[in-house]
Amino acid sequence: MRKVKARKAIQLLCLIVITATLVVLSSYWGAAVVALPPAEDIPEEILRTKIIIEARSPIDGRFLTAAEYIQLQAQLQEAPPPKLDPKIREQVFLLRIRKTLLQFFPFLNF
């Protein structure tokens, strides 16, 4: 009877040691990788000193040179883009309200 209790105690101790070892090793396994930034990431110090000579068009998103961007900004200040039709604006507003309500009340089917 004592041998059985001793064997069970040893098995329990071994199980605890193995489990603790696995938990400790698995927690340290990816810690070094998570702490480092990706290799292709450019440091912020270098990005701050870089002079931006390209820009994107606020209208269609295509790349522009600095001179083209300045010209486009001047054109937009002189003649702003046309306003959206009030009916379309109202429809977009109602769709946004509907989306918000469906997030809070998913059982509504309207």
PDB file of N, CA and C in Angstrom:
ATOM      1  N   MET A   1       0.804  -1.185   0.000  1.00  0.00           N
ATOM      2  CA  MET A   1       0.000   0.000   0.000  1.00  0.00           C
ATOM      3  C   MET A   1       0.861   1.268   0.000  1.00  0.00           C
ATOM      4  N   ARG A   2       1.943   1.228   0.797  1.00  0.00           N
ATOM      5  CA  ARG A   2       2.826   2.391   0.838  1.00  0.00           C
ATOM      6  C   ARG A   2       3.540   2.587  -0.488  1.00  0.00           C
ATOM      7  N   LYS A   3       3.873   1.491  -1.162  1.00  0.00           N
ATOM      8  CA  LYS A   3       4.558   1.593  -2.448  1.00  0.00           C
ATOM      9  C   LYS A   3       3.655   2.249  -3.485  1.00  0.00           C
ATOM     10  N   VAL A   4       2.366   1.938  -3.431  1.00  0.00           N
ATOM     11  CA  VAL A   4       1.423   2.519  -4.378  1.00  0.00           C
ATOM     12  C   VAL A   4       1.297   4.030  -4.139  1.00  0.00           C
ATOM     13  N   LYS A   5       1.185   4.438  -2.872  1.00  0.00           N
ATOM     14  CA  LYS A   5       1.083   5.863  -2.548  1.00  0.00           C
ATOM     15  C   LYS A   5       2.366   6.602  -2.931  1.00  0.00           C
ATOM     16  N   ALA A   6       3.506   5.971  -2.665  1.00  0.00           N
ATOM     17  CA  ALA A   6       4.786   6.588  -3.013  1.00  0.00           C
ATOM     18  C   ALA A   6       4.915   6.733  -4.529  1.00  0.00           C
ATOM     19  N   ARG A   7       4.491   5.697  -5.269  1.00  0.00           N
ATOM     20  CA  ARG A   7       4.558   5.746  -6.737  1.00  0.00           C
ATOM     21  C   ARG A   7       3.654   6.853  -7.280  1.00  0.00           C
ATOM     22  N   LYS A   8       2.438   6.984  -6.720  1.00  0.00           N
ATOM     23  CA  LYS A   8       1.508   8.017  -7.169  1.00  0.00           C
ATOM     24  C   LYS A   8       2.048   9.409  -6.844  1.00  0.00           C
ATOM     25  N   ALA A   9       2.685   9.546  -5.696  1.00  0.00           N
ATOM     26  CA  ALA A   9       3.267  10.838  -5.318  1.00  0.00           C
ATOM     27  C   ALA A   9       4.402  11.208  -6.265  1.00  0.00           C
ATOM     28  N   ILE A  10       5.232  10.234  -6.622  1.00  0.00           N
ATOM     29  CA  ILE A  10       6.337  10.483  -7.553  1.00  0.00           C
ATOM     30  C   ILE A  10       5.790  10.837  -8.935  1.00  0.00           C
ATOM     31  N   GLN A  11       4.753  10.137  -9.376  1.00  0.00           N
ATOM     32  CA  GLN A  11       4.152  10.441 -10.677  1.00  0.00           C
ATOM     33  C   GLN A  11       3.551  11.846 -10.693  1.00  0.00           C
ATOM     34  N   LEU A  12       2.884  12.213  -9.607  1.00  0.00           N
ATOM     35  CA  LEU A  12       2.311  13.547  -9.503  1.00  0.00           C
ATOM     36  C   LEU A  12       3.406  14.603  -9.518  1.00  0.00           C
ATOM     37  N   LEU A  13       4.489  14.371  -8.797  1.00  0.00           N
ATOM     38  CA  LEU A  13       5.608  15.303  -8.773  1.00  0.00           C
ATOM     39  C   LEU A  13       6.227  15.444 -10.156  1.00  0.00           C
ATOM     40  N   CYS A  14       6.413  14.323 -10.859  1.00  0.00           N
ATOM     41  CA  CYS A  14       6.960  14.367 -12.221  1.00  0.00           C
ATOM     42  C   CYS A  14       6.038  15.141 -13.155  1.00  0.00           C
ATOM     43  N   LEU A  15       4.739  14.911 -13.045  1.00  0.00           N
ATOM     44  CA  LEU A  15       3.770  15.609 -13.884  1.00  0.00           C
ATOM     45  C   LEU A  15       3.816  17.109 -13.633  1.00  0.00           C
ATOM     46  N   ILE A  16       3.924  17.500 -12.359  1.00  0.00           N
ATOM     47  CA  ILE A  16       4.001  18.925 -12.024  1.00  0.00           C
ATOM     48  C   ILE A  16       5.274  19.546 -12.590  1.00  0.00           C
ATOM     49  N   VAL A  17       6.392  18.863 -12.459  1.00  0.00           N
ATOM     50  CA  VAL A  17       7.667  19.390 -12.951  1.00  0.00           C
ATOM     51  C   VAL A  17       7.642  19.514 -14.471  1.00  0.00           C
ATOM     52  N   ILE A  18       7.143  18.501 -15.160  1.00  0.00           N
ATOM     53  CA  ILE A  18       7.088  18.543 -16.625  1.00  0.00           C
ATOM     54  C   ILE A  18       6.161  19.653 -17.099  1.00  0.00           C
ATOM     55  N   THR A  19       4.997  19.795 -16.467  1.00  0.00           N
ATOM     56  CA  THR A  19       4.052  20.841 -16.854  1.00  0.00           C
ATOM     57  C   THR A  19       4.643  22.223 -16.616  1.00  0.00           C
ATOM     58  N   ALA A  20       5.270  22.428 -15.487  1.00  0.00           N
ATOM     59  CA  ALA A  20       5.871  23.729 -15.190  1.00  0.00           C
ATOM     60  C   ALA A  20       6.979  24.057 -16.181  1.00  0.00           C
ATOM     61  N   THR A  21       7.786  23.053 -16.521  1.00  0.00           N
ATOM     62  CA  THR A  21       8.860  23.263 -17.496  1.00  0.00           C
ATOM     63  C   THR A  21       8.294  23.640 -18.855  1.00  0.00           C
ATOM     64  N   LEU A  22       7.258  22.957 -19.292  1.00  0.00           N
ATOM     65  CA  LEU A  22       6.651  23.269 -20.585  1.00  0.00           C
ATOM     66  C   LEU A  22       6.033  24.665 -20.603  1.00  0.00           C
ATOM     67  N   VAL A  23       5.393  25.046 -19.517  1.00  0.00           N
ATOM     68  CA  VAL A  23       4.791  26.385 -19.444  1.00  0.00           C
ATOM     69  C   VAL A  23       5.874  27.458 -19.510  1.00  0.00           C
ATOM     70  N   VAL A  24       6.945  27.279 -18.763  1.00  0.00           N
ATOM     71  CA  VAL A  24       8.031  28.268 -18.758  1.00  0.00           C
ATOM     72  C   VAL A  24       8.687  28.350 -20.128  1.00  0.00           C
ATOM     73  N   LEU A  25       8.981  27.220 -20.728  1.00  0.00           N
ATOM     74  CA  LEU A  25       9.630  27.235 -22.043  1.00  0.00           C
ATOM     75  C   LEU A  25       8.729  27.823 -23.116  1.00  0.00           C
ATOM     76  N   SER A  26       7.445  27.496 -23.078  1.00  0.00           N
ATOM     77  CA  SER A  26       6.548  28.032 -24.102  1.00  0.00           C
ATOM     78  C   SER A  26       6.333  29.525 -23.932  1.00  0.00           C
ATOM     79  N   SER A  27       6.411  30.043 -22.709  1.00  0.00           N
ATOM     80  CA  SER A  27       6.234  31.487 -22.518  1.00  0.00           C
ATOM     81  C   SER A  27       7.450  32.266 -23.002  1.00  0.00           C
ATOM     82  N   TYR A  28       8.639  31.690 -22.956  1.00  0.00           N
ATOM     83  CA  TYR A  28       9.840  32.377 -23.429  1.00  0.00           C
ATOM     84  C   TYR A  28      10.118  32.124 -24.904  1.00  0.00           C
ATOM     85  N   TRP A  29       9.407  31.213 -25.521  1.00  0.00           N
ATOM     86  CA  TRP A  29       9.717  30.806 -26.888  1.00  0.00           C
ATOM     87  C   TRP A  29       9.572  31.958 -27.868  1.00  0.00           C
ATOM     88  N   GLY A  30       8.456  32.696 -27.872  1.00  0.00           N
ATOM     89  CA  GLY A  30       8.237  33.756 -28.837  1.00  0.00           C
ATOM     90  C   GLY A  30       8.476  35.144 -28.293  1.00  0.00           C
ATOM     91  N   ALA A  31       8.950  35.262 -27.062  1.00  0.00           N
ATOM     92  CA  ALA A  31       9.106  36.570 -26.446  1.00  0.00           C
ATOM     93  C   ALA A  31      10.140  37.423 -27.167  1.00  0.00           C
ATOM     94  N   ALA A  32      11.235  36.853 -27.600  1.00  0.00           N
ATOM     95  CA  ALA A  32      12.275  37.632 -28.275  1.00  0.00           C
ATOM     96  C   ALA A  32      11.802  38.110 -29.635  1.00  0.00           C
ATOM     97  N   VAL A  33      11.004  37.341 -30.307  1.00  0.00           N
ATOM     98  CA  VAL A  33      10.533  37.701 -31.636  1.00  0.00           C
ATOM     99  C   VAL A  33       9.507  38.825 -31.558  1.00  0.00           C
ATOM    100  N   VAL A  34       8.661  38.809 -30.560  1.00  0.00           N
ATOM    101  CA  VAL A  34       7.620  39.820 -30.429  1.00  0.00           C
ATOM    102  C   VAL A  34       8.233  41.176 -30.087  1.00  0.00           C
ATOM    103  N   ALA A  35       9.328  41.204 -29.361  1.00  0.00           N
ATOM    104  CA  ALA A  35       9.910  42.453 -28.904  1.00  0.00           C
ATOM    105  C   ALA A  35      10.613  43.226 -30.011  1.00  0.00           C
ATOM    106  N   LEU A  36      11.012  42.577 -31.073  1.00  0.00           N
ATOM    107  CA  LEU A  36      11.755  43.248 -32.131  1.00  0.00           C
ATOM    108  C   LEU A  36      10.831  43.695 -33.255  1.00  0.00           C
ATOM    109  N   PRO A  37      11.119  44.870 -33.883  1.00  0.00           N
ATOM    110  CA  PRO A  37      10.315  45.290 -35.038  1.00  0.00           C
ATOM    111  C   PRO A  37      10.680  44.444 -36.252  1.00  0.00           C
ATOM    112  N   PRO A  38       9.848  44.442 -37.281  1.00  0.00           N
ATOM    113  CA  PRO A  38      10.174  43.685 -38.485  1.00  0.00           C
ATOM    114  C   PRO A  38      11.465  44.201 -39.129  1.00  0.00           C
ATOM    115  N   ALA A  39      12.161  43.325 -39.821  1.00  0.00           N
ATOM    116  CA  ALA A  39      13.454  43.692 -40.417  1.00  0.00           C
ATOM    117  C   ALA A  39      13.293  44.757 -41.493  1.00  0.00           C
ATOM    118  N   GLU A  40      12.165  44.752 -42.219  1.00  0.00           N
ATOM    119  CA  GLU A  40      11.982  45.718 -43.312  1.00  0.00           C
ATOM    120  C   GLU A  40      11.452  47.065 -42.824  1.00  0.00           C
ATOM    121  N   ASP A  41      11.206  47.216 -41.530  1.00  0.00           N
ATOM    122  CA  ASP A  41      10.687  48.456 -40.967  1.00  0.00           C
ATOM    123  C   ASP A  41      11.801  49.500 -40.927  1.00  0.00           C
ATOM    124  N   ILE A  42      11.530  50.691 -41.482  1.00  0.00           N
ATOM    125  CA  ILE A  42      12.517  51.779 -41.496  1.00  0.00           C
ATOM    126  C   ILE A  42      12.408  52.534 -40.169  1.00  0.00           C
ATOM    127  N   PRO A  43      13.529  52.769 -39.485  1.00  0.00           N
ATOM    128  CA  PRO A  43      13.478  53.468 -38.201  1.00  0.00           C
ATOM    129  C   PRO A  43      12.882  54.872 -38.345  1.00  0.00           C
ATOM    130  N   GLU A  44      12.206  55.326 -37.299  1.00  0.00           N
ATOM    131  CA  GLU A  44      11.534  56.621 -37.327  1.00  0.00           C
ATOM    132  C   GLU A  44      12.522  57.777 -37.486  1.00  0.00           C
ATOM    133  N   GLU A  45      13.720  57.628 -36.941  1.00  0.00           N
ATOM    134  CA  GLU A  45      14.718  58.693 -37.049  1.00  0.00           C
ATOM    135  C   GLU A  45      15.084  58.949 -38.507  1.00  0.00           C
ATOM    136  N   ILE A  46      15.153  57.893 -39.299  1.00  0.00           N
ATOM    137  CA  ILE A  46      15.477  58.051 -40.720  1.00  0.00           C
ATOM    138  C   ILE A  46      14.291  58.653 -41.456  1.00  0.00           C
ATOM    139  N   LEU A  47      13.086  58.238 -41.109  1.00  0.00           N
ATOM    140  CA  LEU A  47      11.905  58.777 -41.781  1.00  0.00           C
ATOM    141  C   LEU A  47      11.714  60.260 -41.489  1.00  0.00           C
ATOM    142  N   ARG A  48      12.090  60.713 -40.308  1.00  0.00           N
ATOM    143  CA  ARG A  48      11.946  62.135 -39.978  1.00  0.00           C
ATOM    144  C   ARG A  48      12.860  63.006 -40.816  1.00  0.00           C
ATOM    145  N   THR A  49      14.031  62.505 -41.192  1.00  0.00           N
ATOM    146  CA  THR A  49      14.977  63.311 -41.961  1.00  0.00           C
ATOM    147  C   THR A  49      14.739  63.222 -43.460  1.00  0.00           C
ATOM    148  N   LYS A  50      13.861  62.319 -43.885  1.00  0.00           N
ATOM    149  CA  LYS A  50      13.606  62.146 -45.311  1.00  0.00           C
ATOM    150  C   LYS A  50      12.731  63.285 -45.823  1.00  0.00           C
ATOM    151  N   ILE A  51      13.121  63.870 -46.931  1.00  0.00           N
ATOM    152  CA  ILE A  51      12.349  64.935 -47.556  1.00  0.00           C
ATOM    153  C   ILE A  51      11.329  64.291 -48.481  1.00  0.00           C
ATOM    154  N   ILE A  52      10.076  64.668 -48.284  1.00  0.00           N
ATOM    155  CA  ILE A  52       9.002  64.091 -49.085  1.00  0.00           C
ATOM    156  C   ILE A  52       8.903  64.864 -50.396  1.00  0.00           C
ATOM    157  N   ILE A  53       9.127  64.162 -51.502  1.00  0.00           N
ATOM    158  CA  ILE A  53       9.045  64.807 -52.807  1.00  0.00           C
ATOM    159  C   ILE A  53       7.884  64.257 -53.626  1.00  0.00           C
ATOM    160  N   GLU A  54       7.151  63.304 -53.086  1.00  0.00           N
ATOM    161  CA  GLU A  54       5.989  62.756 -53.765  1.00  0.00           C
ATOM    162  C   GLU A  54       4.770  62.942 -52.873  1.00  0.00           C
ATOM    163  N   ALA A  55       3.645  63.005 -53.507  1.00  0.00           N
ATOM    164  CA  ALA A  55       2.397  63.123 -52.756  1.00  0.00           C
ATOM    165  C   ALA A  55       1.325  62.351 -53.505  1.00  0.00           C
ATOM    166  N   ARG A  56       0.217  62.129 -52.826  1.00  0.00           N
ATOM    167  CA  ARG A  56      -0.928  61.463 -53.455  1.00  0.00           C
ATOM    168  C   ARG A  56      -2.033  62.486 -53.658  1.00  0.00           C
ATOM    169  N   SER A  57      -2.722  62.330 -54.751  1.00  0.00           N
ATOM    170  CA  SER A  57      -3.836  63.207 -55.060  1.00  0.00           C
ATOM    171  C   SER A  57      -4.985  62.934 -54.093  1.00  0.00           C
ATOM    172  N   PRO A  58      -5.569  63.980 -53.497  1.00  0.00           N
ATOM    173  CA  PRO A  58      -6.708  63.753 -52.623  1.00  0.00           C
ATOM    174  C   PRO A  58      -7.972  63.367 -53.390  1.00  0.00           C
ATOM    175  N   ILE A  59      -7.946  63.525 -54.694  1.00  0.00           N
ATOM    176  CA  ILE A  59      -9.118  63.220 -55.514  1.00  0.00           C
ATOM    177  C   ILE A  59      -9.159  61.748 -55.897  1.00  0.00           C
ATOM    178  N   ASP A  60      -8.079  61.264 -56.534  1.00  0.00           N
ATOM    179  CA  ASP A  60      -8.100  59.884 -57.018  1.00  0.00           C
ATOM    180  C   ASP A  60      -6.975  59.016 -56.456  1.00  0.00           C
ATOM    181  N   GLY A  61      -6.076  59.562 -55.653  1.00  0.00           N
ATOM    182  CA  GLY A  61      -5.053  58.775 -54.996  1.00  0.00           C
ATOM    183  C   GLY A  61      -3.826  58.463 -55.835  1.00  0.00           C
ATOM    184  N   ARG A  62      -3.705  59.059 -57.027  1.00  0.00           N
ATOM    185  CA  ARG A  62      -2.521  58.777 -57.850  1.00  0.00           C
ATOM    186  C   ARG A  62      -1.336  59.588 -57.342  1.00  0.00           C
ATOM    187  N   PHE A  63      -0.125  59.116 -57.650  1.00  0.00           N
ATOM    188  CA  PHE A  63       1.080  59.802 -57.208  1.00  0.00           C
ATOM    189  C   PHE A  63       1.281  61.088 -57.997  1.00  0.00           C
ATOM    190  N   LEU A  64       1.716  62.130 -57.297  1.00  0.00           N
ATOM    191  CA  LEU A  64       1.993  63.424 -57.913  1.00  0.00           C
ATOM    192  C   LEU A  64       3.373  63.904 -57.456  1.00  0.00           C
ATOM    193  N   THR A  65       3.983  64.738 -58.279  1.00  0.00           N
ATOM    194  CA  THR A  65       5.215  65.390 -57.840  1.00  0.00           C
ATOM    195  C   THR A  65       4.825  66.546 -56.934  1.00  0.00           C
ATOM    196  N   ALA A  66       5.821  67.159 -56.304  1.00  0.00           N
ATOM    197  CA  ALA A  66       5.533  68.254 -55.381  1.00  0.00           C
ATOM    198  C   ALA A  66       4.887  69.430 -56.112  1.00  0.00           C
ATOM    199  N   ALA A  67       5.381  69.736 -57.312  1.00  0.00           N
ATOM    200  CA  ALA A  67       4.823  70.856 -58.073  1.00  0.00           C
ATOM    201  C   ALA A  67       3.377  70.577 -58.485  1.00  0.00           C
ATOM    202  N   GLU A  68       3.103  69.360 -58.944  1.00  0.00           N
ATOM    203  CA  GLU A  68       1.733  69.003 -59.324  1.00  0.00           C
ATOM    204  C   GLU A  68       0.802  69.059 -58.119  1.00  0.00           C
ATOM    205  N   TYR A  69       1.297  68.643 -56.959  1.00  0.00           N
ATOM    206  CA  TYR A  69       0.481  68.665 -55.752  1.00  0.00           C
ATOM    207  C   TYR A  69       0.121  70.105 -55.364  1.00  0.00           C
ATOM    208  N   ILE A  70       1.088  71.009 -55.465  1.00  0.00           N
ATOM    209  CA  ILE A  70       0.830  72.424 -55.136  1.00  0.00           C
ATOM    210  C   ILE A  70      -0.189  73.004 -56.107  1.00  0.00           C
ATOM    211  N   GLN A  71      -0.066  72.688 -57.390  1.00  0.00           N
ATOM    212  CA  GLN A  71      -1.027  73.169 -58.379  1.00  0.00           C
ATOM    213  C   GLN A  71      -2.435  72.633 -58.087  1.00  0.00           C
ATOM    214  N   LEU A  72      -2.522  71.374 -57.743  1.00  0.00           N
ATOM    215  CA  LEU A  72      -3.816  70.777 -57.446  1.00  0.00           C
ATOM    216  C   LEU A  72      -4.440  71.406 -56.206  1.00  0.00           C
ATOM    217  N   GLN A  73      -3.628  71.667 -55.178  1.00  0.00           N
ATOM    218  CA  GLN A  73      -4.155  72.319 -53.982  1.00  0.00           C
ATOM    219  C   GLN A  73      -4.671  73.720 -54.297  1.00  0.00           C
ATOM    220  N   ALA A  74      -3.961  74.458 -55.160  1.00  0.00           N
ATOM    221  CA  ALA A  74      -4.420  75.792 -55.550  1.00  0.00           C
ATOM    222  C   ALA A  74      -5.733  75.708 -56.325  1.00  0.00           C
ATOM    223  N   GLN A  75      -5.861  74.733 -57.211  1.00  0.00           N
ATOM    224  CA  GLN A  75      -7.103  74.566 -57.965  1.00  0.00           C
ATOM    225  C   GLN A  75      -8.268  74.214 -57.038  1.00  0.00           C
ATOM    226  N   LEU A  76      -8.017  73.366 -56.066  1.00  0.00           N
ATOM    227  CA  LEU A  76      -9.080  72.975 -55.147  1.00  0.00           C
ATOM    228  C   LEU A  76      -9.521  74.129 -54.262  1.00  0.00           C
ATOM    229  N   GLN A  77      -8.602  75.040 -53.926  1.00  0.00           N
ATOM    230  CA  GLN A  77      -8.984  76.190 -53.110  1.00  0.00           C
ATOM    231  C   GLN A  77      -9.807  77.182 -53.916  1.00  0.00           C
ATOM    232  N   GLU A  78      -9.489  77.337 -55.212  1.00  0.00           N
ATOM    233  CA  GLU A  78     -10.242  78.257 -56.064  1.00  0.00           C
ATOM    234  C   GLU A  78     -11.639  77.729 -56.353  1.00  0.00           C
ATOM    235  N   ALA A  79     -11.726  76.481 -56.775  1.00  0.00           N
ATOM    236  CA  ALA A  79     -13.009  75.881 -57.125  1.00  0.00           C
ATOM    237  C   ALA A  79     -13.138  74.565 -56.370  1.00  0.00           C
ATOM    238  N   PRO A  80     -13.780  74.588 -55.204  1.00  0.00           N
ATOM    239  CA  PRO A  80     -13.904  73.339 -54.449  1.00  0.00           C
ATOM    240  C   PRO A  80     -14.746  72.318 -55.209  1.00  0.00           C
ATOM    241  N   PRO A  81     -14.571  71.054 -54.930  1.00  0.00           N
ATOM    242  CA  PRO A  81     -15.336  70.028 -55.631  1.00  0.00           C
ATOM    243  C   PRO A  81     -16.837  70.200 -55.375  1.00  0.00           C
ATOM    244  N   PRO A  82     -17.663  69.760 -56.297  1.00  0.00           N
ATOM    245  CA  PRO A  82     -19.108  69.949 -56.134  1.00  0.00           C
ATOM    246  C   PRO A  82     -19.631  69.192 -54.908  1.00  0.00           C
ATOM    247  N   LYS A  83     -20.651  69.775 -54.302  1.00  0.00           N
ATOM    248  CA  LYS A  83     -21.278  69.160 -53.129  1.00  0.00           C
ATOM    249  C   LYS A  83     -22.091  67.948 -53.552  1.00  0.00           C
ATOM    250  N   LEU A  84     -22.261  67.047 -52.621  1.00  0.00           N
ATOM    251  CA  LEU A  84     -23.043  65.841 -52.864  1.00  0.00           C
ATOM    252  C   LEU A  84     -24.524  66.198 -52.848  1.00  0.00           C
ATOM    253  N   ASP A  85     -25.298  65.518 -53.676  1.00  0.00           N
ATOM    254  CA  ASP A  85     -26.730  65.736 -53.752  1.00  0.00           C
ATOM    255  C   ASP A  85     -27.355  65.500 -52.368  1.00  0.00           C
ATOM    256  N   PRO A  86     -28.234  66.387 -51.902  1.00  0.00           N
ATOM    257  CA  PRO A  86     -28.826  66.213 -50.563  1.00  0.00           C
ATOM    258  C   PRO A  86     -29.565  64.894 -50.386  1.00  0.00           C
ATOM    259  N   LYS A  87     -30.173  64.361 -51.411  1.00  0.00           N
ATOM    260  CA  LYS A  87     -30.878  63.083 -51.294  1.00  0.00           C
ATOM    261  C   LYS A  87     -29.886  61.948 -51.038  1.00  0.00           C
ATOM    262  N   ILE A  88     -28.770  61.981 -51.740  1.00  0.00           N
ATOM    263  CA  ILE A  88     -27.739  60.953 -51.540  1.00  0.00           C
ATOM    264  C   ILE A  88     -27.129  61.088 -50.150  1.00  0.00           C
ATOM    265  N   ARG A  89     -26.889  62.322 -49.735  1.00  0.00           N
ATOM    266  CA  ARG A  89     -26.338  62.559 -48.396  1.00  0.00           C
ATOM    267  C   ARG A  89     -27.283  62.020 -47.317  1.00  0.00           C
ATOM    268  N   GLU A  90     -28.595  62.230 -47.501  1.00  0.00           N
ATOM    269  CA  GLU A  90     -29.570  61.726 -46.542  1.00  0.00           C
ATOM    270  C   GLU A  90     -29.589  60.199 -46.525  1.00  0.00           C
ATOM    271  N   GLN A  91     -29.472  59.574 -47.697  1.00  0.00           N
ATOM    272  CA  GLN A  91     -29.447  58.114 -47.763  1.00  0.00           C
ATOM    273  C   GLN A  91     -28.222  57.548 -47.037  1.00  0.00           C
ATOM    274  N   VAL A  92     -27.090  58.183 -47.223  1.00  0.00           N
ATOM    275  CA  VAL A  92     -25.864  57.735 -46.544  1.00  0.00           C
ATOM    276  C   VAL A  92     -26.025  57.878 -45.036  1.00  0.00           C
ATOM    277  N   PHE A  93     -26.612  58.988 -44.599  1.00  0.00           N
ATOM    278  CA  PHE A  93     -26.846  59.200 -43.171  1.00  0.00           C
ATOM    279  C   PHE A  93     -27.761  58.117 -42.599  1.00  0.00           C
ATOM    280  N   LEU A  94     -28.830  57.802 -43.311  1.00  0.00           N
ATOM    281  CA  LEU A  94     -29.749  56.776 -42.841  1.00  0.00           C
ATOM    282  C   LEU A  94     -29.100  55.393 -42.819  1.00  0.00           C
ATOM    283  N   LEU A  95     -28.245  55.114 -43.803  1.00  0.00           N
ATOM    284  CA  LEU A  95     -27.538  53.831 -43.807  1.00  0.00           C
ATOM    285  C   LEU A  95     -26.582  53.718 -42.625  1.00  0.00           C
ATOM    286  N   ARG A  96     -25.943  54.814 -42.271  1.00  0.00           N
ATOM    287  CA  ARG A  96     -25.046  54.791 -41.114  1.00  0.00           C
ATOM    288  C   ARG A  96     -25.822  54.568 -39.823  1.00  0.00           C
ATOM    289  N   ILE A  97     -26.986  55.219 -39.700  1.00  0.00           N
ATOM    290  CA  ILE A  97     -27.828  54.988 -38.515  1.00  0.00           C
ATOM    291  C   ILE A  97     -28.269  53.536 -38.459  1.00  0.00           C
ATOM    292  N   ARG A  98     -28.664  52.980 -39.609  1.00  0.00           N
ATOM    293  CA  ARG A  98     -29.103  51.581 -39.668  1.00  0.00           C
ATOM    294  C   ARG A  98     -27.982  50.636 -39.239  1.00  0.00           C
ATOM    295  N   LYS A  99     -26.770  50.917 -39.727  1.00  0.00           N
ATOM    296  CA  LYS A  99     -25.623  50.073 -39.366  1.00  0.00           C
ATOM    297  C   LYS A  99     -25.360  50.122 -37.859  1.00  0.00           C
ATOM    298  N   THR A 100     -25.447  51.323 -37.280  1.00  0.00           N
ATOM    299  CA  THR A 100     -25.231  51.465 -35.845  1.00  0.00           C
ATOM    300  C   THR A 100     -26.308  50.735 -35.053  1.00  0.00           C
ATOM    301  N   LEU A 101     -27.566  50.871 -35.462  1.00  0.00           N
ATOM    302  CA  LEU A 101     -28.648  50.187 -34.762  1.00  0.00           C
ATOM    303  C   LEU A 101     -28.513  48.674 -34.860  1.00  0.00           C
ATOM    304  N   LEU A 102     -28.076  48.180 -36.009  1.00  0.00           N
ATOM    305  CA  LEU A 102     -27.915  46.734 -36.167  1.00  0.00           C
ATOM    306  C   LEU A 102     -26.770  46.189 -35.313  1.00  0.00           C
ATOM    307  N   GLN A 103     -25.799  47.037 -34.994  1.00  0.00           N
ATOM    308  CA  GLN A 103     -24.733  46.593 -34.098  1.00  0.00           C
ATOM    309  C   GLN A 103     -25.259  46.405 -32.673  1.00  0.00           C
ATOM    310  N   PHE A 104     -26.178  47.273 -32.261  1.00  0.00           N
ATOM    311  CA  PHE A 104     -26.732  47.177 -30.915  1.00  0.00           C
ATOM    312  C   PHE A 104     -27.911  46.211 -30.835  1.00  0.00           C
ATOM    313  N   PHE A 105     -28.676  46.120 -31.915  1.00  0.00           N
ATOM    314  CA  PHE A 105     -29.855  45.254 -31.955  1.00  0.00           C
ATOM    315  C   PHE A 105     -29.783  44.343 -33.171  1.00  0.00           C
ATOM    316  N   PRO A 106     -28.983  43.275 -33.126  1.00  0.00           N
ATOM    317  CA  PRO A 106     -28.785  42.434 -34.310  1.00  0.00           C
ATOM    318  C   PRO A 106     -30.033  41.629 -34.688  1.00  0.00           C
ATOM    319  N   PHE A 107     -31.007  41.545 -33.798  1.00  0.00           N
ATOM    320  CA  PHE A 107     -32.209  40.770 -34.085  1.00  0.00           C
ATOM    321  C   PHE A 107     -33.203  41.544 -34.947  1.00  0.00           C
ATOM    322  N   LEU A 108     -32.973  42.858 -35.137  1.00  0.00           N
ATOM    323  CA  LEU A 108     -33.865  43.642 -35.986  1.00  0.00           C
ATOM    324  C   LEU A 108     -33.563  43.355 -37.446  1.00  0.00           C
ATOM    325  N   ASN A 109     -34.584  43.121 -38.229  1.00  0.00           N
ATOM    326  CA  ASN A 109     -34.400  42.854 -39.656  1.00  0.00           C
ATOM    327  C   ASN A 109     -35.114  43.924 -40.474  1.00  0.00           C
ATOM    328  N   PHE A 110     -34.532  45.087 -40.566  1.00  0.00           N
ATOM    329  CA  PHE A 110     -35.126  46.128 -41.401  1.00  0.00           C
ATOM    330  C   PHE A 110     -34.119  46.658 -42.361  1.00  0.00           C
TER     331      PHE A 110
END
